[in-house]
C-alpha atoms as a PDB file:
ATOM      1  CA  MET A   1      -4.275  25.661-105.060  1.00  0.00           C
ATOM      2  CA  VAL A   2      -4.978  25.008-101.379  1.00  0.00           C
ATOM      3  CA  GLY A   3      -3.024  25.668 -98.205  1.00  0.00           C
ATOM      4  CA  ASP A   4      -1.774  23.163 -95.654  1.00  0.00           C
ATOM      5  CA  GLY A   5      -4.704  21.831 -93.599  1.00  0.00           C
ATOM      6  CA  GLU A   6      -7.336  23.566 -95.724  1.00  0.00           C
ATOM      7  CA  THR A   7     -10.098  21.710 -97.555  1.00  0.00           C
ATOM      8  CA  VAL A   8     -10.934  21.915-101.231  1.00  0.00           C
ATOM      9  CA  VAL A   9     -14.061  20.392-102.782  1.00  0.00           C
ATOM     10  CA  ILE A  10     -14.030  18.951-106.288  1.00  0.00           C
ATOM     11  CA  GLY A  11     -17.480  18.335-107.741  1.00  0.00           C
ATOM     12  CA  GLY A  12     -19.166  17.553-111.023  1.00  0.00           C
ATOM     13  CA  LEU A  13     -22.187  15.906-112.605  1.00  0.00           C
ATOM     14  CA  ILE A  14     -21.487  12.195-113.073  1.00  0.00           C
ATOM     15  CA  ASP A  15     -24.924  10.827-113.964  1.00  0.00           C
ATOM     16  CA  GLU A  16     -28.184  12.097-115.444  1.00  0.00           C
ATOM     17  CA  SER A  17     -31.153   9.816-116.191  1.00  0.00           C
ATOM     18  CA  TYR A  18     -34.908   9.994-116.787  1.00  0.00           C
ATOM     19  CA  GLU A  19     -37.489   7.791-115.073  1.00  0.00           C
ATOM     20  CA  ASP A  20     -40.859   7.374-116.893  1.00  0.00           C
ATOM     21  CA  THR A  21     -43.911   6.335-114.827  1.00  0.00           C
ATOM     22  CA  VAL A  22     -47.348   5.297-116.159  1.00  0.00           C
ATOM     23  CA  ASP A  23     -50.434   5.142-113.896  1.00  0.00           C
ATOM     24  CA  LYS A  24     -53.564   3.684-115.516  1.00  0.00           C
ATOM     25  CA  VAL A  25     -56.871   1.972-114.892  1.00  0.00           C
ATOM     26  CA  PRO A  26     -56.518  -1.754-115.670  1.00  0.00           C
ATOM     27  CA  TRP A  27     -57.862  -2.741-119.105  1.00  0.00           C
ATOM     28  CA  LEU A  28     -59.353   0.686-119.799  1.00  0.00           C
ATOM     29  CA  GLY A  29     -55.974   2.323-119.973  1.00  0.00           C
ATOM     30  CA  ASP A  30     -54.922  -0.076-122.741  1.00  0.00           C
ATOM     31  CA  ILE A  31     -57.741   0.913-125.164  1.00  0.00           C
ATOM     32  CA  PRO A  32     -56.265   2.667-128.208  1.00  0.00           C
ATOM     33  CA  PHE A  33     -56.851   6.449-128.209  1.00  0.00           C
ATOM     34  CA  LEU A  34     -59.601   6.283-125.537  1.00  0.00           C
ATOM     35  CA  GLY A  35     -57.131   4.803-123.084  1.00  0.00           C
ATOM     36  CA  TRP A  36     -55.451   8.204-122.600  1.00  0.00           C
ATOM     37  CA  ALA A  37     -58.507   9.287-120.646  1.00  0.00           C
ATOM     38  CA  PHE A  38     -57.837   6.552-118.085  1.00  0.00           C
ATOM     39  CA  LYS A  39     -54.084   6.898-117.579  1.00  0.00           C
ATOM     40  CA  THR A  40     -51.406   9.463-116.764  1.00  0.00           C
ATOM     41  CA  THR A  41     -47.682   9.551-117.515  1.00  0.00           C
ATOM     42  CA  SER A  42     -44.894  11.353-115.726  1.00  0.00           C
ATOM     43  CA  ARG A  43     -41.159  11.794-116.291  1.00  0.00           C
ATOM     44  CA  LYS A  44     -38.648  12.467-113.551  1.00  0.00           C
ATOM     45  CA  LEU A  45     -35.091  13.658-114.096  1.00  0.00           C
ATOM     46  CA  VAL A  46     -32.545  12.153-111.686  1.00  0.00           C
ATOM     47  CA  LYS A  47     -29.105  13.753-111.361  1.00  0.00           C
ATOM     48  CA  LYS A  48     -26.251  12.305-109.308  1.00  0.00           C
ATOM     49  CA  ASN A  49     -23.213  14.366-108.314  1.00  0.00           C
ATOM     50  CA  LEU A  50     -19.899  13.250-106.864  1.00  0.00           C
ATOM     51  CA  LEU A  51     -18.183  15.558-104.362  1.00  0.00           C
ATOM     52  CA  VAL A  52     -14.561  14.882-103.383  1.00  0.00           C
ATOM     53  CA  PHE A  53     -13.269  16.617-100.242  1.00  0.00           C
ATOM     54  CA  LEU A  54      -9.474  16.884-100.124  1.00  0.00           C
ATOM     55  CA  THR A  55      -7.578  18.162 -97.081  1.00  0.00           C
ATOM     56  CA  PRO A  56      -3.800  18.073 -97.691  1.00  0.00           C
ATOM     57  CA  HIS A  57      -1.356  17.906 -94.800  1.00  0.00           C
ATOM     58  CA  ILE A  58       2.266  18.720 -95.577  1.00  0.00           C
ATOM     59  CA  ILE A  59       4.593  16.154 -93.967  1.00  0.00           C
ATOM     60  CA  ARG A  60       8.100  17.489 -93.422  1.00  0.00           C
ATOM     61  CA  SER A  61       9.601  14.756 -91.247  1.00  0.00           C
ATOM     62  CA  PRO A  62       9.042  11.100 -90.303  1.00  0.00           C
ATOM     63  CA  ASP A  63       7.752  12.073 -86.840  1.00  0.00           C
ATOM     64  CA  GLU A  64       5.094  14.292 -88.444  1.00  0.00           C
ATOM     65  CA  LEU A  65       4.123  11.343 -90.647  1.00  0.00           C
ATOM     66  CA  GLU A  66       3.794   9.116 -87.568  1.00  0.00           C
ATOM     67  CA  LYS A  67       1.684  11.718 -85.746  1.00  0.00           C
ATOM     68  CA  GLU A  68      -0.609  12.220 -88.747  1.00  0.00           C
ATOM     69  CA  THR A  69      -0.982   8.443 -89.149  1.00  0.00           C
ATOM     70  CA  ILE A  70      -2.165   8.088 -85.545  1.00  0.00           C
ATOM     71  CA  ARG A  71      -4.537  11.043 -85.914  1.00  0.00           C
ATOM     72  CA  LYS A  72      -6.183   9.576 -89.028  1.00  0.00           C
ATOM     73  CA  ARG A  73      -6.501   6.172 -87.361  1.00  0.00           C
ATOM     74  CA  GLN A  74      -8.270   7.731 -84.384  1.00  0.00           C
ATOM     75  CA  GLN A  75     -10.682   9.499 -86.728  1.00  0.00           C
ATOM     76  CA  PHE A  76     -11.459   6.171 -88.381  1.00  0.00           C
ATOM     77  CA  VAL A  77     -11.991   4.461 -85.011  1.00  0.00           C
ATOM     78  CA  ASP A  78     -14.273   7.241 -83.746  1.00  0.00           C
ATOM     79  CA  ARG A  79     -16.463   6.962 -86.852  1.00  0.00           C
ATOM     80  CA  ASN A  80     -16.635   3.152 -86.821  1.00  0.00           C
ATOM     81  CA  ARG A  81     -16.756   2.155 -83.145  1.00  0.00           C
ATOM     82  CA  GLN A  82     -19.997   0.235 -83.615  1.00  0.00           C
ATOM     83  CA  HIS A  83     -18.553  -1.871 -86.442  1.00  0.00           C
ATOM     84  CA  LEU A  84     -15.336  -2.588 -84.528  1.00  0.00           C
ATOM     85  CA  ARG A  85     -17.046  -4.100 -81.501  1.00  0.00           C
ATOM     86  CA  LEU A  86     -16.892  -7.805 -80.747  1.00  0.00           C
ATOM     87  CA  SER A  87     -20.039  -9.869 -81.187  1.00  0.00           C
ATOM     88  CA  GLU A  88     -21.773 -11.308 -78.108  1.00  0.00           C
ATOM     89  CA  ARG A  89     -20.258 -14.705 -78.826  1.00  0.00           C
ATOM     90  CA  GLU A  90     -16.783 -13.208 -79.186  1.00  0.00           C
ATOM     91  CA  GLN A  91     -17.251 -11.212 -75.977  1.00  0.00           C
ATOM     92  CA  ALA A  92     -18.154 -14.390 -74.092  1.00  0.00           C
ATOM     93  CA  TRP A  93     -15.036 -16.100 -75.461  1.00  0.00           C
ATOM     94  CA  GLU A  94     -12.929 -13.084 -74.478  1.00  0.00           C
ATOM     95  CA  ARG A  95     -14.210 -13.170 -70.889  1.00  0.00           C
ATOM     96  CA  LYS A  96     -13.149 -16.807 -70.638  1.00  0.00           C
ATOM     97  CA  GLU A  97      -9.703 -15.962 -72.003  1.00  0.00           C
ATOM     98  CA  MET A  98      -9.352 -13.113 -69.494  1.00  0.00           C
ATOM     99  CA  GLU A  99     -10.226 -15.479 -66.640  1.00  0.00           C
ATOM    100  CA  ARG A 100      -7.788 -18.095 -67.956  1.00  0.00           C
ATOM    101  CA  ALA A 101      -4.971 -15.537 -68.276  1.00  0.00           C
ATOM    102  CA  ALA A 102      -5.646 -14.187 -64.769  1.00  0.00           C
ATOM    103  CA  ALA A 103      -5.564 -17.694 -63.294  1.00  0.00           C
ATOM    104  CA  ALA A 104      -2.282 -18.460 -65.074  1.00  0.00           C
ATOM    105  CA  GLY A 105      -0.751 -15.093 -64.133  1.00  0.00           C
ATOM    106  CA  GLU A 106      -0.338 -14.126 -67.788  1.00  0.00           C
ATOM    107  CA  THR A 107      -0.769 -10.741 -69.433  1.00  0.00           C
ATOM    108  CA  TYR A 108      -3.994 -10.674 -71.418  1.00  0.00           C
ATOM    109  CA  ARG A 109      -4.206  -9.001 -74.800  1.00  0.00           C
ATOM    110  CA  PRO A 110      -7.561  -7.772 -76.166  1.00  0.00           C
ATOM    111  CA  GLY A 111      -9.387 -10.276 -78.325  1.00  0.00           C
ATOM    112  CA  ARG A 112      -9.386  -9.659 -82.045  1.00  0.00           C
ATOM    113  CA  GLY A 113     -12.479 -11.605 -83.037  1.00  0.00           C
ATOM    114  CA  LEU A 114     -13.264 -12.442 -86.650  1.00  0.00           C
ATOM    115  CA  ASN A 115     -13.365  -8.853 -87.973  1.00  0.00           C
ATOM    116  CA  PRO A 116     -10.297  -8.277 -90.206  1.00  0.00           C
ATOM    117  CA  VAL A 117     -10.643  -4.504 -89.803  1.00  0.00           C
ATOM    118  CA  ARG A 118     -10.458  -4.891 -86.033  1.00  0.00           C
ATOM    119  CA  HIS A 119      -7.314  -6.988 -86.525  1.00  0.00           C
ATOM    120  CA  ALA A 120      -5.690  -4.199 -88.535  1.00  0.00           C
ATOM    121  CA  VAL A 121      -6.709  -1.478 -86.067  1.00  0.00           C
ATOM    122  CA  LEU A 122      -5.334  -3.365 -83.049  1.00  0.00           C
ATOM    123  CA  ASP A 123      -2.079  -4.113 -84.868  1.00  0.00           C
ATOM    124  CA  HIS A 124      -1.770  -0.445 -85.760  1.00  0.00           C
ATOM    125  CA  GLN A 125      -2.483   0.640 -82.175  1.00  0.00           C
ATOM    126  CA  GLN A 126       0.278  -1.634 -80.903  1.00  0.00           C
ATOM    127  CA  ARG A 127       2.780  -0.216 -83.388  1.00  0.00           C
ATOM    128  CA  TYR A 128       1.640   3.418 -83.086  1.00  0.00           C
ATOM    129  CA  PRO A 129       0.007   3.959 -79.639  1.00  0.00           C
ATOM    130  CA  LEU A 130      -2.045   7.090 -78.985  1.00  0.00           C
ATOM    131  CA  ASP A 131       0.383   8.206 -76.283  1.00  0.00           C
ATOM    132  CA  ARG A 132       3.051   8.361 -78.982  1.00  0.00           C
ATOM    133  CA  MET A 133       1.167  11.159 -80.770  1.00  0.00           C
ATOM    134  CA  ARG A 134       0.912  13.152 -77.541  1.00  0.00           C
ATOM    135  CA  GLU A 135       4.621  12.586 -76.917  1.00  0.00           C
ATOM    136  CA  ILE A 136       5.516  13.890 -80.387  1.00  0.00           C
ATOM    137  CA  GLU A 137       3.302  16.952 -79.925  1.00  0.00           C
ATOM    138  CA  GLN A 138       4.954  17.711 -76.568  1.00  0.00           C
ATOM    139  CA  LEU A 139       8.454  17.358 -78.009  1.00  0.00           C
ATOM    140  CA  GLU A 140       7.493  19.602 -80.927  1.00  0.00           C
ATOM    141  CA  ARG A 141       6.284  22.287 -78.535  1.00  0.00           C
ATOM    142  CA  GLU A 142       9.476  22.042 -76.510  1.00  0.00           C
ATOM    143  CA  ALA A 143      11.614  22.227 -79.665  1.00  0.00           C
ATOM    144  CA  THR A 144       9.680  25.299 -80.838  1.00  0.00           C
ATOM    145  CA  GLU A 145      10.171  27.015 -77.491  1.00  0.00           C
ATOM    146  CA  ARG A 146      13.907  26.255 -77.492  1.00  0.00           C
ATOM    147  CA  ALA A 147      14.303  27.444 -81.080  1.00  0.00           C
ATOM    148  CA  ALA A 148      12.817  30.787 -80.088  1.00  0.00           C
ATOM    149  CA  VAL A 149      15.529  31.437 -77.496  1.00  0.00           C
ATOM    150  CA  GLU A 150      18.544  29.554 -78.888  1.00  0.00           C
ATOM    151  CA  PRO A 151      20.890  31.277 -81.346  1.00  0.00           C
ATOM    152  CA  ALA A 152      20.388  30.444 -85.020  1.00  0.00           C
ATOM    153  CA  ALA A 153      23.950  29.221 -85.553  1.00  0.00           C
ATOM    154  CA  GLY A 154      24.750  25.942 -83.871  1.00  0.00           C
ATOM    155  CA  PRO A 155      25.879  22.380 -84.400  1.00  0.00           C
ATOM    156  CA  ASN A 156      24.195  19.967 -86.756  1.00  0.00           C
ATOM    157  CA  TYR A 157      23.084  16.588 -85.490  1.00  0.00           C
ATOM    158  CA  TYR A 158      23.263  13.440 -87.580  1.00  0.00           C
ATOM    159  CA  LEU A 159      22.184   9.893 -86.853  1.00  0.00           C
ATOM    160  CA  GLN A 160      24.357   6.908 -87.565  1.00  0.00           C
ATOM    161  CA  ALA A 161      21.510   4.534 -88.412  1.00  0.00           C
ATOM    162  CA  GLY A 162      23.817   1.591 -88.985  1.00  0.00           C
ATOM    163  CA  LEU A 163      27.326   0.407 -89.795  1.00  0.00           C
ATOM    164  CA  PHE A 164      27.530  -2.495 -92.247  1.00  0.00           C
ATOM    165  CA  GLY A 165      30.228  -4.621 -93.781  1.00  0.00           C
ATOM    166  CA  ASP A 166      27.940  -5.600 -96.674  1.00  0.00           C
ATOM    167  CA  GLU A 167      27.310  -2.873 -99.260  1.00  0.00           C
ATOM    168  CA  GLU A 168      24.023  -4.362-100.488  1.00  0.00           C
ATOM    169  CA  GLN A 169      22.615  -4.500 -96.977  1.00  0.00           C
ATOM    170  CA  ALA A 170      23.604  -0.884 -96.326  1.00  0.00           C
ATOM    171  CA  VAL A 171      22.013   0.261 -99.608  1.00  0.00           C
ATOM    172  CA  ALA A 172      18.802  -1.626 -98.779  1.00  0.00           C
ATOM    173  CA  VAL A 173      18.532   0.081 -95.364  1.00  0.00           C
ATOM    174  CA  LEU A 174      19.275   3.508 -96.860  1.00  0.00           C
ATOM    175  CA  THR A 175      16.711   3.013 -99.630  1.00  0.00           C
ATOM    176  CA  GLU A 176      14.022   2.068 -97.117  1.00  0.00           C
ATOM    177  CA  LEU A 177      14.760   5.143 -94.980  1.00  0.00           C
ATOM    178  CA  ILE A 178      14.671   7.470 -97.986  1.00  0.00           C
ATOM    179  CA  ASP A 179      11.358   5.958 -99.068  1.00  0.00           C
ATOM    180  CA  LEU A 180      10.017   6.786 -95.588  1.00  0.00           C
ATOM    181  CA  GLY A 181      10.973  10.435 -96.029  1.00  0.00           C
ATOM    182  CA  TYR A 182      14.367  10.653 -94.325  1.00  0.00           C
ATOM    183  CA  ASP A 183      17.339  12.582 -95.670  1.00  0.00           C
ATOM    184  CA  GLY A 184      20.117  10.038 -95.784  1.00  0.00           C
ATOM    185  CA  ALA A 185      23.529   9.296 -97.213  1.00  0.00           C
ATOM    186  CA  LEU A 186      25.881   6.340 -97.514  1.00  0.00           C
ATOM    187  CA  LEU A 187      29.458   6.909 -96.324  1.00  0.00           C
ATOM    188  CA  THR A 188      32.454   4.589 -96.435  1.00  0.00           C
ATOM    189  CA  ALA A 189      35.239   4.262 -93.901  1.00  0.00           C
ATOM    190  CA  ASP A 190      38.365   2.150 -93.617  1.00  0.00           C
ATOM    191  CA  ARG A 191      38.544   0.474 -90.195  1.00  0.00           C
ATOM    192  CA  ALA A 192      41.562  -1.750 -89.529  1.00  0.00           C
ATOM    193  CA  GLY A 193      41.905  -2.546 -93.213  1.00  0.00           C
ATOM    194  CA  ALA A 194      38.188  -3.380 -93.632  1.00  0.00           C
ATOM    195  CA  LEU A 195      35.807  -1.250 -95.686  1.00  0.00           C
ATOM    196  CA  LEU A 196      32.637  -0.373 -93.760  1.00  0.00           C
ATOM    197  CA  TYR A 197      29.461   1.302 -94.994  1.00  0.00           C
ATOM    198  CA  GLU A 198      27.758   3.844 -92.747  1.00  0.00           C
ATOM    199  CA  VAL A 199      24.110   4.816 -93.222  1.00  0.00           C
ATOM    200  CA  ARG A 200      23.768   8.395 -91.990  1.00  0.00           C
ATOM    201  CA  VAL A 201      20.486  10.287 -91.508  1.00  0.00           C
ATOM    202  CA  GLY A 202      20.062  14.027 -91.130  1.00  0.00           C
ATOM    203  CA  PRO A 203      21.045  16.716 -90.454  1.00  0.00           C
ATOM    204  CA  TYR A 204      18.807  17.910 -87.623  1.00  0.00           C
ATOM    205  CA  ASP A 205      18.919  21.449 -86.231  1.00  0.00           C
ATOM    206  CA  THR A 206      18.350  20.486 -82.595  1.00  0.00           C
ATOM    207  CA  LEU A 207      19.270  17.597 -80.350  1.00  0.00           C
ATOM    208  CA  ASP A 208      15.587  17.127 -79.464  1.00  0.00           C
ATOM    209  CA  ALA A 209      14.731  16.623 -83.138  1.00  0.00           C
ATOM    210  CA  ALA A 210      17.533  14.054 -83.450  1.00  0.00           C
ATOM    211  CA  ARG A 211      16.363  12.213 -80.320  1.00  0.00           C
ATOM    212  CA  LEU A 212      12.795  12.180 -81.624  1.00  0.00           C
ATOM    213  CA  ALA A 213      13.990  10.656 -84.898  1.00  0.00           C
ATOM    214  CA  ILE A 214      15.906   8.011 -82.925  1.00  0.00           C
ATOM    215  CA  ARG A 215      12.721   6.941 -81.147  1.00  0.00           C
ATOM    216  CA  VAL A 216      10.869   6.691 -84.445  1.00  0.00           C
ATOM    217  CA  LEU A 217      13.638   4.566 -85.987  1.00  0.00           C
ATOM    218  CA  GLU A 218      13.838   2.327 -82.926  1.00  0.00           C
ATOM    219  CA  ARG A 219      10.099   1.713 -82.794  1.00  0.00           C
ATOM    220  CA  GLY A 220       9.293   1.584 -86.491  1.00  0.00           C
ATOM    221  CA  GLN A 221      12.442   0.119 -88.060  1.00  0.00           C
ATOM    222  CA  GLY A 222      14.127  -1.789 -85.243  1.00  0.00           C
ATOM    223  CA  LEU A 223      17.378   0.172 -85.643  1.00  0.00           C
ATOM    224  CA  SER A 224      19.665   1.454 -82.877  1.00  0.00           C
ATOM    225  CA  PRO A 225      20.965   4.834 -84.121  1.00  0.00           C
ATOM    226  CA  ILE A 226      23.505   7.010 -82.335  1.00  0.00           C
ATOM    227  CA  VAL A 227      23.827  10.802 -82.490  1.00  0.00           C
ATOM    228  CA  LEU A 228      26.758  12.402 -84.298  1.00  0.00           C
ATOM    229  CA  VAL A 229      27.436  16.098 -83.648  1.00  0.00           C
ATOM    230  CA  GLU A 230      28.998  18.279 -86.326  1.00  0.00           C
ATOM    231  CA  THR A 231      30.144  21.685 -85.099  1.00  0.00           C
ATOM    232  CA  PRO A 232      30.429  24.380 -87.800  1.00  0.00           C
ATOM    233  CA  ALA A 233      33.730  26.109 -88.222  1.00  0.00           C
ATOM    234  CA  PRO A 234      33.959  29.552 -86.532  1.00  0.00           C
END
């Protein structure tokens, strides 16, 4: 058993082999019996061990998952900066593209080159920018500070992630959100004689937490949620 953020090491012997070496004087070492005086033998034992380092991080909400994703990406980039650089030929091509974009008054995007890993990293940075992780950390600190002074009892905040007339479409959206770690439910309502399906996410204890989830859904899923407030009975 290991705590959140702590590291455990799993190790074990996975290979054991012997290497035999013979050093001898040419021709003389091959003489039967007498050849032992002109050669030496040695045996070396080689052992290989595999060590697995596991550091679990407990993810309790989609925003924590987004923050941890950005953090792990930055670790990967820091370790592999040399392999993610453009070649000299690609850099020359990129300079020409920058000049062309500046002359045309267009916004230039960094060149991707031929490295597929660089492609994936740049795509990930566009979807999950580093500033987003700092924003989540700041909102978490503010929510923690407010929770310390606000009373425990208060309203619950839900998100109406979408309102659909098609049941299958609503179920598909709800399934995707649940797979991403959200707590969700599907509600039905009769509006002007038409049956509508509401995908609801939550509850959240604070309005800041609900607003943070809205930003994640807007950026990551392309949804436009609204906040629903449920006040507990006195």
